[in-house]
Protein backbone atom coordinates (compact mmCIF):
# COMPACT_ATOMS: atom_id res chain seq x y z
CA UNK A 1 -14.36 -96.52 40.53
CA UNK A 2 -16.14 -97.87 37.37
CA UNK A 3 -13.48 -100.65 37.11
CA UNK A 4 -14.18 -101.62 40.76
CA UNK A 5 -17.88 -101.88 40.00
CA UNK A 6 -17.20 -104.10 36.92
CA UNK A 7 -15.06 -106.43 39.08
CA UNK A 8 -17.87 -106.78 41.60
CA UNK A 9 -20.37 -107.66 38.78
CA UNK A 10 -18.17 -110.33 37.34
CA UNK A 11 -18.93 -113.77 38.68
CA UNK A 12 -17.49 -117.11 37.88
CA UNK A 13 -19.32 -119.67 35.79
CA UNK A 14 -19.54 -121.91 38.91
CA UNK A 15 -21.33 -118.97 40.73
CA UNK A 16 -23.72 -118.52 37.76
CA UNK A 17 -24.53 -122.21 37.65
CA UNK A 18 -25.03 -122.23 41.43
CA UNK A 19 -27.38 -119.27 41.09
CA UNK A 20 -29.24 -120.86 38.19
CA UNK A 21 -29.67 -124.13 40.16
CA UNK A 22 -30.91 -122.20 43.16
CA UNK A 23 -33.34 -120.10 41.16
CA UNK A 24 -34.53 -123.11 39.18
CA UNK A 25 -35.25 -124.99 42.48
CA UNK A 26 -37.07 -121.97 43.76
CA UNK A 27 -39.12 -121.71 40.58
CA UNK A 28 -40.00 -125.41 40.67
CA UNK A 29 -41.08 -125.12 44.34
CA UNK A 30 -43.20 -122.04 43.58
CA UNK A 31 -44.80 -123.77 40.58
CA UNK A 32 -45.60 -126.84 42.70
CA UNK A 33 -47.13 -124.62 45.42
CA UNK A 34 -49.18 -122.78 42.77
CA UNK A 35 -50.38 -126.08 41.34
CA UNK A 36 -51.27 -127.38 44.85
CA UNK A 37 -53.24 -124.28 45.54
CA UNK A 38 -55.01 -124.46 42.19
CA UNK A 39 -55.80 -128.18 42.61
CA UNK A 40 -57.21 -127.51 46.08
CA UNK A 41 -59.45 -124.73 44.84
CA UNK A 42 -60.63 -126.89 41.94
CA UNK A 43 -61.22 -129.87 44.31
CA UNK A 44 -63.36 -127.72 46.60
CA UNK A 45 -65.44 -126.51 43.70
CA UNK A 46 -65.73 -130.00 42.26
CA UNK A 47 -66.71 -131.39 45.60
CA UNK A 48 -69.41 -128.84 45.99
CA UNK A 49 -70.73 -129.60 42.52
CA UNK A 50 -70.61 -133.36 43.13
CA UNK A 51 -72.84 -132.76 46.21
CA UNK A 52 -75.31 -130.78 43.99
CA UNK A 53 -75.22 -133.62 41.49
CA UNK A 54 -76.05 -136.14 44.22
CA UNK A 55 -79.01 -134.04 45.38
CA UNK A 56 -80.17 -133.50 41.79
CA UNK A 57 -79.78 -137.26 41.17
CA UNK A 58 -81.92 -138.10 44.13
CA UNK A 59 -84.62 -135.68 43.03
CA UNK A 60 -84.48 -137.04 39.50
CA UNK A 61 -84.64 -140.64 40.84
CA UNK A 62 -87.82 -139.68 42.74
CA UNK A 63 -89.34 -138.18 39.56
CA UNK A 64 -88.39 -141.37 37.61
CA UNK A 65 -90.12 -143.50 40.20
CA UNK A 66 -93.23 -141.34 40.02
CA UNK A 67 -93.29 -141.50 36.22
CA UNK A 68 -92.84 -145.24 36.40
CA UNK A 69 -95.75 -145.56 38.65
CA UNK A 70 -97.81 -143.43 36.29
CA UNK A 71 -96.99 -145.66 33.41
CA UNK A 72 -97.84 -148.78 35.38
CA UNK A 73 -101.18 -147.28 36.41
CA UNK A 74 -101.94 -146.18 32.86
CA UNK A 75 -101.19 -149.61 31.45
CA UNK A 76 -103.37 -151.21 34.21
CA UNK A 77 -106.37 -149.65 32.57
CA UNK A 78 -105.95 -152.16 29.71
CA UNK A 79 -104.06 -155.08 31.29
CA UNK A 80 -103.87 -156.47 34.81
CA UNK A 81 -101.76 -154.27 37.20
CA UNK A 82 -99.34 -157.08 37.87
CA UNK A 83 -98.68 -157.50 34.23
CA UNK A 84 -98.20 -153.79 33.59
CA UNK A 85 -95.72 -153.63 36.50
CA UNK A 86 -93.84 -156.63 35.13
CA UNK A 87 -93.65 -155.22 31.61
CA UNK A 88 -92.49 -151.80 32.83
CA UNK A 89 -89.96 -153.45 35.15
CA UNK A 90 -88.59 -155.58 32.33
CA UNK A 91 -88.22 -152.54 30.05
CA UNK A 92 -86.45 -150.49 32.65
CA UNK A 93 -84.26 -153.45 33.56
CA UNK A 94 -83.30 -154.00 29.95
CA UNK A 95 -82.32 -150.31 29.57
CA UNK A 96 -80.24 -150.51 32.76
CA UNK A 97 -78.44 -153.61 31.58
CA UNK A 98 -77.51 -151.93 28.25
CA UNK A 99 -76.21 -148.79 30.06
CA UNK A 100 -74.23 -150.67 32.63
CA UNK A 101 -72.64 -153.11 30.15
CA UNK A 102 -71.77 -150.21 27.81
CA UNK A 103 -70.16 -148.29 30.65
CA UNK A 104 -68.21 -151.32 31.92
CA UNK A 105 -66.90 -151.95 28.34
CA UNK A 106 -65.67 -148.31 28.12
CA UNK A 107 -64.03 -148.51 31.55
CA UNK A 108 -62.10 -151.62 30.59
CA UNK A 109 -60.68 -149.77 27.56
CA UNK A 110 -59.67 -146.73 29.59
CA UNK A 111 -55.91 -146.32 30.13
CA UNK A 112 -55.41 -144.83 33.63
CA UNK A 113 -51.73 -143.89 32.99
CA UNK A 114 -51.27 -140.13 32.30
CA UNK A 115 -49.17 -140.75 29.24
CA UNK A 116 -49.29 -137.08 27.97
CA UNK A 117 -48.06 -135.77 31.33
CA UNK A 118 -45.25 -138.36 31.42
CA UNK A 119 -44.20 -137.36 27.94
CA UNK A 120 -44.23 -133.69 28.87
CA UNK A 121 -42.01 -134.38 31.93
CA UNK A 122 -39.52 -136.33 29.80
CA UNK A 123 -39.35 -133.45 27.30
CA UNK A 124 -38.87 -130.90 30.15
CA UNK A 125 -36.08 -133.02 31.66
CA UNK A 126 -34.39 -133.29 28.19
CA UNK A 127 -34.68 -129.56 27.66
CA UNK A 128 -33.20 -128.83 31.08
CA UNK A 129 -30.38 -131.20 30.50
CA UNK A 130 -29.63 -129.51 27.16
CA UNK A 131 -29.69 -126.07 28.77
CA UNK A 132 -27.34 -127.04 31.56
CA UNK A 133 -24.78 -128.78 29.30
């Protein structure tokens, strides 16, 4: 009886490789499904936070406009109102120009290719090839 059980447990190398390939495929599909679920959850959370950022940005913009008006009115106590508005506008425009040009320069230097991920995939493929052979 024990010998019969041993014969049933013995499988050919081909059967083992087939099982390994099937289980590896299942594992990869499960990992992809998990990654999709995780990314979806993170995207929902990020989307909600982007909405809050937009609302916060609109409120901050309103505050900035109010503060700008206050500075213009304060300066108009010493110089004509049109001149105070011009000076404040030039100062804010200069700051905006500096911020935008700096951001554009950084964007031009950004490499959009996910090089680290590509390298990891290559290493995984090499490892799997070594395991199978």
